[in-house]
Amino acid sequence: MKTNRFDEYRVSDRVVIRTGDSFRAKGGPYWKSSDGTKVRLTSSGPYKFVAYVKRGAVGWVECVDKDGCFAVLHVEGRRKRIDCSLVPRPYTITGKKRPIAKA
């Protein structure tokens, strides 16, 4: 299966994030314990966009989180469940973070 790498990702009809843009995301995978407690397995935003990668029906965004750590955010397609307790929920990119205008 061929893997394609892009320098931009279309969030909506109006919003496109490109390399170096800051953005926010919500959702992501979580661990469901036996007592029903949900433990988030997500990194913390805001994120800085590096690339969008697509392989078949699965797509993910490569980025850097606010701590400077590399992060991979699954945004399209279905992933296999490796364990019944792990819920592989995709991320939703909520939009681009705009720089503050100087007066």
N, C-alpha and C. Protein backbone atom coordinates (compact mmCIF):
# COMPACT_ATOMS: atom_id res chain seq x y z
N MET A 1 0.83 -1.17 0.00
CA MET A 1 0.00 0.00 0.00
C MET A 1 0.89 1.24 0.00
N LYS A 2 0.55 2.19 -0.85
CA LYS A 2 1.36 3.39 -1.00
C LYS A 2 1.05 4.41 0.08
N THR A 3 2.09 5.03 0.60
CA THR A 3 1.96 6.07 1.61
C THR A 3 2.26 7.42 0.97
N ASN A 4 1.32 8.35 1.11
CA ASN A 4 1.48 9.70 0.57
C ASN A 4 1.65 10.69 1.71
N ARG A 5 2.56 11.64 1.53
CA ARG A 5 2.85 12.65 2.55
C ARG A 5 2.57 14.03 1.96
N PHE A 6 1.80 14.85 2.70
CA PHE A 6 1.40 16.17 2.22
C PHE A 6 1.84 17.24 3.21
N ASP A 7 2.08 18.46 2.68
CA ASP A 7 2.51 19.58 3.51
C ASP A 7 1.34 20.40 4.04
N GLU A 8 0.10 19.99 3.72
CA GLU A 8 -1.07 20.70 4.21
C GLU A 8 -2.22 19.74 4.44
N TYR A 9 -3.17 20.17 5.28
CA TYR A 9 -4.34 19.35 5.60
C TYR A 9 -5.56 20.27 5.65
N ARG A 10 -6.60 19.91 4.89
CA ARG A 10 -7.81 20.71 4.85
C ARG A 10 -8.72 20.31 6.00
N VAL A 11 -8.93 21.24 6.93
CA VAL A 11 -9.77 21.02 8.10
C VAL A 11 -11.24 21.20 7.72
N SER A 12 -11.53 22.24 6.94
CA SER A 12 -12.89 22.52 6.48
C SER A 12 -12.80 23.22 5.13
N ASP A 13 -13.93 23.70 4.64
CA ASP A 13 -13.92 24.40 3.35
C ASP A 13 -13.06 25.66 3.38
N ARG A 14 -13.02 26.32 4.53
CA ARG A 14 -12.28 27.58 4.64
C ARG A 14 -10.90 27.44 5.26
N VAL A 15 -10.68 26.42 6.07
CA VAL A 15 -9.46 26.34 6.88
C VAL A 15 -8.52 25.25 6.35
N VAL A 16 -7.29 25.63 6.09
CA VAL A 16 -6.22 24.71 5.69
C VAL A 16 -5.04 24.96 6.62
N ILE A 17 -4.50 23.89 7.22
CA ILE A 17 -3.30 24.07 8.03
C ILE A 17 -2.09 23.62 7.20
N ARG A 18 -1.03 24.38 7.32
CA ARG A 18 0.19 24.10 6.57
C ARG A 18 1.35 23.95 7.55
N THR A 19 2.49 23.53 7.04
CA THR A 19 3.67 23.31 7.87
C THR A 19 3.99 24.56 8.69
N GLY A 20 4.11 24.37 10.00
CA GLY A 20 4.43 25.47 10.92
C GLY A 20 3.23 26.10 11.57
N ASP A 21 2.01 25.84 11.09
CA ASP A 21 0.80 26.42 11.68
C ASP A 21 0.48 25.76 13.02
N SER A 22 -0.06 26.55 13.94
CA SER A 22 -0.52 26.02 15.22
C SER A 22 -2.00 25.69 15.11
N PHE A 23 -2.41 24.60 15.78
CA PHE A 23 -3.81 24.21 15.74
C PHE A 23 -4.18 23.49 17.02
N ARG A 24 -5.47 23.33 17.24
CA ARG A 24 -5.98 22.59 18.40
C ARG A 24 -6.71 21.36 17.93
N ALA A 25 -6.73 20.32 18.77
CA ALA A 25 -7.42 19.08 18.44
C ALA A 25 -8.12 18.55 19.69
N LYS A 26 -9.20 17.81 19.47
CA LYS A 26 -9.90 17.19 20.58
C LYS A 26 -10.15 15.72 20.24
N GLY A 27 -10.59 14.97 21.21
CA GLY A 27 -10.82 13.54 21.00
C GLY A 27 -9.55 12.75 21.26
N GLY A 28 -9.35 11.71 20.50
CA GLY A 28 -8.17 10.87 20.64
C GLY A 28 -8.47 9.63 21.47
N PRO A 29 -7.53 8.70 21.51
CA PRO A 29 -7.76 7.43 22.19
C PRO A 29 -7.82 7.56 23.71
N TYR A 30 -8.49 6.59 24.32
CA TYR A 30 -8.53 6.53 25.77
C TYR A 30 -8.59 5.08 26.22
N TRP A 31 -8.21 4.87 27.47
CA TRP A 31 -8.20 3.54 28.09
C TRP A 31 -9.38 3.46 29.04
N LYS A 32 -10.19 2.43 28.90
CA LYS A 32 -11.35 2.26 29.77
C LYS A 32 -11.04 1.16 30.76
N SER A 33 -10.95 1.51 32.05
CA SER A 33 -10.59 0.54 33.08
C SER A 33 -11.79 -0.33 33.45
N SER A 34 -11.56 -1.35 34.24
CA SER A 34 -12.61 -2.30 34.60
C SER A 34 -13.72 -1.66 35.43
N ASP A 35 -13.40 -0.58 36.16
CA ASP A 35 -14.45 0.09 36.94
C ASP A 35 -15.16 1.19 36.15
N GLY A 36 -14.83 1.33 34.85
CA GLY A 36 -15.51 2.29 33.98
C GLY A 36 -14.84 3.64 33.87
N THR A 37 -13.73 3.84 34.55
CA THR A 37 -13.00 5.10 34.49
C THR A 37 -12.28 5.23 33.15
N LYS A 38 -12.35 6.41 32.55
CA LYS A 38 -11.66 6.66 31.28
C LYS A 38 -10.36 7.41 31.55
N VAL A 39 -9.27 6.92 30.98
CA VAL A 39 -7.96 7.55 31.12
C VAL A 39 -7.52 8.02 29.75
N ARG A 40 -7.34 9.31 29.60
CA ARG A 40 -6.93 9.87 28.31
C ARG A 40 -5.50 9.45 27.97
N LEU A 41 -5.28 9.12 26.71
CA LEU A 41 -3.94 8.77 26.23
C LEU A 41 -3.44 9.80 25.23
N THR A 42 -3.92 11.02 25.35
CA THR A 42 -3.63 12.05 24.37
C THR A 42 -2.50 12.95 24.84
N SER A 43 -1.83 13.56 23.87
CA SER A 43 -0.83 14.57 24.20
C SER A 43 -1.55 15.90 24.34
N SER A 44 -0.88 16.90 24.86
CA SER A 44 -1.54 18.18 25.11
C SER A 44 -1.21 19.18 24.01
N GLY A 45 -2.20 19.93 23.59
CA GLY A 45 -2.05 20.93 22.55
C GLY A 45 -1.79 22.28 23.18
N PRO A 46 -1.59 23.31 22.41
CA PRO A 46 -1.72 23.37 20.96
C PRO A 46 -0.56 22.66 20.26
N TYR A 47 -0.83 22.25 19.04
CA TYR A 47 0.13 21.50 18.24
C TYR A 47 0.69 22.37 17.12
N LYS A 48 1.87 22.02 16.65
CA LYS A 48 2.46 22.67 15.48
C LYS A 48 2.53 21.65 14.36
N PHE A 49 1.89 21.93 13.24
CA PHE A 49 1.74 21.00 12.12
C PHE A 49 3.08 20.74 11.43
N VAL A 50 3.35 19.45 11.15
CA VAL A 50 4.54 19.04 10.40
C VAL A 50 4.12 18.49 9.05
N ALA A 51 3.23 17.48 9.03
CA ALA A 51 2.80 16.88 7.77
C ALA A 51 1.52 16.09 7.98
N TYR A 52 0.83 15.83 6.86
CA TYR A 52 -0.33 14.95 6.86
C TYR A 52 0.05 13.73 6.03
N VAL A 53 -0.18 12.54 6.56
CA VAL A 53 0.21 11.30 5.89
C VAL A 53 -1.04 10.46 5.67
N LYS A 54 -1.16 9.89 4.46
CA LYS A 54 -2.32 9.06 4.12
C LYS A 54 -1.84 7.74 3.55
N ARG A 55 -2.35 6.64 4.11
CA ARG A 55 -2.05 5.30 3.60
C ARG A 55 -3.37 4.55 3.49
N GLY A 56 -3.83 4.36 2.26
CA GLY A 56 -5.13 3.73 2.05
C GLY A 56 -6.23 4.62 2.60
N ALA A 57 -7.10 4.07 3.47
CA ALA A 57 -8.19 4.83 4.06
C ALA A 57 -7.80 5.50 5.37
N VAL A 58 -6.60 5.23 5.85
CA VAL A 58 -6.15 5.75 7.14
C VAL A 58 -5.30 7.00 6.92
N GLY A 59 -5.59 8.05 7.70
CA GLY A 59 -4.82 9.28 7.61
C GLY A 59 -4.44 9.77 8.99
N TRP A 60 -3.27 10.37 9.11
CA TRP A 60 -2.82 10.90 10.39
C TRP A 60 -2.02 12.18 10.18
N VAL A 61 -2.00 12.99 11.23
CA VAL A 61 -1.28 14.25 11.21
C VAL A 61 -0.05 14.09 12.09
N GLU A 62 1.11 14.42 11.54
CA GLU A 62 2.35 14.43 12.32
C GLU A 62 2.56 15.86 12.80
N CYS A 63 2.83 16.00 14.08
CA CYS A 63 2.94 17.34 14.66
C CYS A 63 3.85 17.33 15.88
N VAL A 64 4.05 18.50 16.43
CA VAL A 64 4.82 18.68 17.66
C VAL A 64 3.87 19.29 18.69
N ASP A 65 3.80 18.70 19.90
CA ASP A 65 2.89 19.23 20.91
C ASP A 65 3.54 20.39 21.67
N LYS A 66 2.81 20.92 22.65
CA LYS A 66 3.30 22.11 23.35
C LYS A 66 4.57 21.87 24.16
N ASP A 67 4.86 20.60 24.50
CA ASP A 67 6.07 20.27 25.24
C ASP A 67 7.27 20.02 24.33
N GLY A 68 7.06 20.12 22.99
CA GLY A 68 8.13 19.90 22.04
C GLY A 68 8.33 18.45 21.65
N CYS A 69 7.38 17.59 22.03
CA CYS A 69 7.46 16.16 21.70
C CYS A 69 6.71 15.87 20.40
N PHE A 70 7.25 14.97 19.61
CA PHE A 70 6.61 14.57 18.36
C PHE A 70 5.35 13.79 18.68
N ALA A 71 4.25 14.07 17.95
CA ALA A 71 2.98 13.39 18.18
C ALA A 71 2.36 13.00 16.85
N VAL A 72 1.66 11.88 16.84
CA VAL A 72 0.94 11.42 15.66
C VAL A 72 -0.54 11.37 16.04
N LEU A 73 -1.35 12.16 15.34
CA LEU A 73 -2.78 12.24 15.62
C LEU A 73 -3.55 11.54 14.51
N HIS A 74 -4.20 10.42 14.83
CA HIS A 74 -5.00 9.67 13.87
C HIS A 74 -6.28 10.45 13.61
N VAL A 75 -6.54 10.83 12.35
CA VAL A 75 -7.70 11.66 12.04
C VAL A 75 -8.70 11.00 11.08
N GLU A 76 -8.31 9.98 10.32
CA GLU A 76 -9.21 9.36 9.34
C GLU A 76 -9.05 7.85 9.33
N GLY A 77 -10.13 7.16 9.01
CA GLY A 77 -10.09 5.71 8.86
C GLY A 77 -10.24 4.98 10.18
N ARG A 78 -10.33 3.66 10.08
CA ARG A 78 -10.50 2.83 11.27
C ARG A 78 -9.19 2.15 11.63
N ARG A 79 -8.94 2.06 12.94
CA ARG A 79 -7.77 1.34 13.42
C ARG A 79 -8.23 0.08 14.12
N LYS A 80 -7.36 -0.91 14.15
CA LYS A 80 -7.68 -2.16 14.84
C LYS A 80 -7.58 -1.96 16.34
N ARG A 81 -8.45 -2.65 17.04
CA ARG A 81 -8.39 -2.65 18.49
C ARG A 81 -7.42 -3.72 18.93
N ILE A 82 -6.41 -3.34 19.69
CA ILE A 82 -5.44 -4.33 20.16
C ILE A 82 -5.85 -4.92 21.50
N ASP A 83 -6.79 -4.25 22.17
CA ASP A 83 -7.26 -4.68 23.47
C ASP A 83 -8.68 -4.16 23.65
N CYS A 84 -9.51 -4.89 24.36
CA CYS A 84 -10.89 -4.46 24.59
C CYS A 84 -10.97 -3.18 25.42
N SER A 85 -9.95 -2.91 26.21
CA SER A 85 -9.96 -1.73 27.07
C SER A 85 -9.52 -0.47 26.36
N LEU A 86 -8.80 -0.60 25.26
CA LEU A 86 -8.31 0.55 24.52
C LEU A 86 -9.33 0.95 23.45
N VAL A 87 -9.78 2.20 23.50
CA VAL A 87 -10.74 2.71 22.53
C VAL A 87 -9.97 3.61 21.56
N PRO A 88 -9.75 3.18 20.30
CA PRO A 88 -8.93 3.94 19.35
C PRO A 88 -9.72 5.04 18.65
N ARG A 89 -10.23 5.99 19.39
CA ARG A 89 -11.05 7.07 18.86
C ARG A 89 -10.17 8.04 18.08
N PRO A 90 -10.61 8.50 16.90
CA PRO A 90 -9.80 9.45 16.13
C PRO A 90 -9.85 10.85 16.73
N TYR A 91 -8.85 11.66 16.39
CA TYR A 91 -8.82 13.05 16.80
C TYR A 91 -9.69 13.87 15.84
N THR A 92 -10.18 14.99 16.32
CA THR A 92 -10.87 15.96 15.49
C THR A 92 -10.11 17.27 15.61
N ILE A 93 -9.66 17.79 14.48
CA ILE A 93 -8.95 19.07 14.49
C ILE A 93 -10.00 20.17 14.50
N THR A 94 -9.95 20.99 15.53
CA THR A 94 -10.99 22.00 15.72
C THR A 94 -10.72 23.29 14.97
N GLY A 95 -9.51 23.52 14.55
CA GLY A 95 -9.22 24.72 13.77
C GLY A 95 -7.82 25.24 14.01
N LYS A 96 -7.47 26.20 13.18
CA LYS A 96 -6.15 26.79 13.23
C LYS A 96 -6.12 27.87 14.30
N LYS A 97 -5.01 27.94 15.00
CA LYS A 97 -4.82 28.97 16.02
C LYS A 97 -4.21 30.17 15.32
N ARG A 98 -4.90 31.27 15.35
CA ARG A 98 -4.45 32.46 14.63
C ARG A 98 -3.53 33.31 15.51
N PRO A 99 -2.49 33.90 14.92
CA PRO A 99 -1.60 34.76 15.72
C PRO A 99 -2.34 36.02 16.17
N ILE A 100 -1.94 36.56 17.31
CA ILE A 100 -2.54 37.79 17.84
C ILE A 100 -2.06 38.96 17.00
N ALA A 101 -3.03 39.78 16.55
CA ALA A 101 -2.70 40.94 15.71
C ALA A 101 -2.05 42.02 16.58
N LYS A 102 -1.00 42.62 16.04
CA LYS A 102 -0.32 43.70 16.76
C LYS A 102 -0.95 45.04 16.39
N ALA A 103 -1.06 45.90 17.38
CA ALA A 103 -1.71 47.19 17.15
C ALA A 103 -0.77 48.20 16.57
